[in-house]
Amino acid sequence: MADGYNTTELSRRLGISAAAASHHATVLREAKLITTRREGKAVLHVLTPLGIALLEATGHIGQVGSALRRGRVRAADNSRARCGDGT
């Protein structure tokens, strides 16, 4: 998916139950690390610029992070430019 993953795909890729993936998505959304949007019947989760920066800083961008960041790269780049220090 070019614009993030739904909860089922996240659970499959992470090897956890859909319920656990949903819970984790809620926690990440509350921490402003992902955004969630509805597209028809699908609910897609996408990393925020903060989420991308955290994963990159800790070296954990990985496959799921790379997929989640698609569609948010420009926003992350713009955010870093505004901050001036890459944070």
C-alpha atoms as a PDB file:
ATOM      1  CA  MET A   1       0.000   0.000   0.000  1.00  0.00           C
ATOM      2  CA  ALA A   2       1.384   3.326  -1.006  1.00  0.00           C
ATOM      3  CA  ASP A   3      -0.274   5.238   1.835  1.00  0.00           C
ATOM      4  CA  GLY A   4       0.218   3.034   4.877  1.00  0.00           C
ATOM      5  CA  TYR A   5      -1.140  -0.266   6.108  1.00  0.00           C
ATOM      6  CA  ASN A   6      -4.420  -1.400   7.561  1.00  0.00           C
ATOM      7  CA  THR A   7      -4.493  -3.149  10.929  1.00  0.00           C
ATOM      8  CA  THR A   8      -4.737  -6.630   9.401  1.00  0.00           C
ATOM      9  CA  GLU A   9      -1.631  -6.066   7.273  1.00  0.00           C
ATOM     10  CA  LEU A  10       0.271  -4.643  10.241  1.00  0.00           C
ATOM     11  CA  SER A  11      -0.618  -7.669  12.350  1.00  0.00           C
ATOM     12  CA  ARG A  12       0.473 -10.038   9.571  1.00  0.00           C
ATOM     13  CA  ARG A  13       3.787  -8.254   9.001  1.00  0.00           C
ATOM     14  CA  LEU A  14       4.546  -7.991  12.716  1.00  0.00           C
ATOM     15  CA  GLY A  15       3.411 -11.516  13.582  1.00  0.00           C
ATOM     16  CA  ILE A  16       0.900 -10.374  16.212  1.00  0.00           C
ATOM     17  CA  SER A  17      -2.874 -10.671  16.503  1.00  0.00           C
ATOM     18  CA  ALA A  18      -5.132  -8.108  14.868  1.00  0.00           C
ATOM     19  CA  ALA A  19      -6.346  -7.122  18.343  1.00  0.00           C
ATOM     20  CA  ALA A  20      -2.762  -6.480  19.479  1.00  0.00           C
ATOM     21  CA  ALA A  21      -2.004  -4.498  16.305  1.00  0.00           C
ATOM     22  CA  SER A  22      -5.132  -2.414  16.880  1.00  0.00           C
ATOM     23  CA  HIS A  23      -4.119  -1.734  20.485  1.00  0.00           C
ATOM     24  CA  HIS A  24      -0.590  -0.772  19.445  1.00  0.00           C
ATOM     25  CA  ALA A  25      -1.980   1.513  16.716  1.00  0.00           C
ATOM     26  CA  THR A  26      -4.122   3.268  19.330  1.00  0.00           C
ATOM     27  CA  VAL A  27      -1.119   3.836  21.598  1.00  0.00           C
ATOM     28  CA  LEU A  28       1.026   5.066  18.692  1.00  0.00           C
ATOM     29  CA  ARG A  29      -1.754   7.385  17.499  1.00  0.00           C
ATOM     30  CA  GLU A  30      -2.169   8.858  21.007  1.00  0.00           C
ATOM     31  CA  ALA A  31       1.603   9.449  21.100  1.00  0.00           C
ATOM     32  CA  LYS A  32       1.328  11.280  17.737  1.00  0.00           C
ATOM     33  CA  LEU A  33       3.651   8.727  16.088  1.00  0.00           C
ATOM     34  CA  ILE A  34       1.069   7.607  13.498  1.00  0.00           C
ATOM     35  CA  THR A  35      -2.064   9.006  11.954  1.00  0.00           C
ATOM     36  CA  THR A  36      -5.056   6.928  11.011  1.00  0.00           C
ATOM     37  CA  ARG A  37      -7.481   7.717   8.244  1.00  0.00           C
ATOM     38  CA  ARG A  38     -10.426   5.987   6.673  1.00  0.00           C
ATOM     39  CA  GLU A  39     -10.375   5.223   2.950  1.00  0.00           C
ATOM     40  CA  GLY A  40     -13.693   3.634   2.088  1.00  0.00           C
ATOM     41  CA  LYS A  41     -13.958   0.586   4.339  1.00  0.00           C
ATOM     42  CA  ALA A  42     -10.226   0.518   5.029  1.00  0.00           C
ATOM     43  CA  VAL A  43      -8.519   2.253   7.942  1.00  0.00           C
ATOM     44  CA  LEU A  44      -4.918   3.094   7.060  1.00  0.00           C
ATOM     45  CA  HIS A  45      -2.121   3.851   9.510  1.00  0.00           C
ATOM     46  CA  VAL A  46       0.729   6.152   8.395  1.00  0.00           C
ATOM     47  CA  LEU A  47       3.761   7.382  10.306  1.00  0.00           C
ATOM     48  CA  THR A  48       3.867  11.040  11.273  1.00  0.00           C
ATOM     49  CA  PRO A  49       7.060  13.062  10.848  1.00  0.00           C
ATOM     50  CA  LEU A  50       7.713  12.493  14.565  1.00  0.00           C
ATOM     51  CA  GLY A  51       7.272   8.735  14.136  1.00  0.00           C
ATOM     52  CA  ILE A  52       9.649   8.691  11.180  1.00  0.00           C
ATOM     53  CA  ALA A  53      12.257  10.719  13.066  1.00  0.00           C
ATOM     54  CA  LEU A  54      12.054   8.394  16.071  1.00  0.00           C
ATOM     55  CA  LEU A  55      12.478   5.261  13.975  1.00  0.00           C
ATOM     56  CA  GLU A  56      15.338   6.765  11.997  1.00  0.00           C
ATOM     57  CA  ALA A  57      17.107   8.027  15.123  1.00  0.00           C
ATOM     58  CA  THR A  58      16.960   4.596  16.727  1.00  0.00           C
ATOM     59  CA  GLY A  59      17.790   2.664  13.545  1.00  0.00           C
ATOM     60  CA  HIS A  60      14.447   0.847  13.537  1.00  0.00           C
ATOM     61  CA  ILE A  61      12.859   2.113  10.319  1.00  0.00           C
ATOM     62  CA  GLY A  62      12.654  -1.482   8.931  1.00  0.00           C
ATOM     63  CA  GLN A  63      10.112  -2.833   6.463  1.00  0.00           C
ATOM     64  CA  VAL A  64       6.942  -1.767   8.262  1.00  0.00           C
ATOM     65  CA  GLY A  65       8.337   1.672   9.024  1.00  0.00           C
ATOM     66  CA  SER A  66       9.407   2.115   5.408  1.00  0.00           C
ATOM     67  CA  ALA A  67       5.951   1.194   4.180  1.00  0.00           C
ATOM     68  CA  LEU A  68       4.201   3.369   6.747  1.00  0.00           C
ATOM     69  CA  ARG A  69       6.343   6.359   5.899  1.00  0.00           C
ATOM     70  CA  ARG A  70       5.341   6.355   2.224  1.00  0.00           C
ATOM     71  CA  GLY A  71       3.073   9.291   1.627  1.00  0.00           C
ATOM     72  CA  ARG A  72       4.515  11.190   4.599  1.00  0.00           C
ATOM     73  CA  VAL A  73       8.058  11.728   3.347  1.00  0.00           C
ATOM     74  CA  ARG A  74       7.358  15.261   2.124  1.00  0.00           C
ATOM     75  CA  ALA A  75       5.700  16.157   5.408  1.00  0.00           C
ATOM     76  CA  ALA A  76       8.706  14.814   7.323  1.00  0.00           C
ATOM     77  CA  ASP A  77      11.162  16.674   5.124  1.00  0.00           C
ATOM     78  CA  ASN A  78       9.178  19.899   5.551  1.00  0.00           C
ATOM     79  CA  SER A  79       9.034  19.391   9.308  1.00  0.00           C
ATOM     80  CA  ARG A  80      12.794  18.945   9.528  1.00  0.00           C
ATOM     81  CA  ALA A  81      13.343  22.038   7.401  1.00  0.00           C
ATOM     82  CA  ARG A  82      11.152  24.072   9.773  1.00  0.00           C
ATOM     83  CA  CYS A  83      13.010  22.804  12.851  1.00  0.00           C
ATOM     84  CA  GLY A  84      16.391  23.370  11.246  1.00  0.00           C
ATOM     85  CA  ASP A  85      18.049  20.612  13.244  1.00  0.00           C
ATOM     86  CA  GLY A  86      16.473  17.447  11.853  1.00  0.00           C
ATOM     87  CA  THR A  87      14.293  16.820  14.884  1.00  0.00           C
END
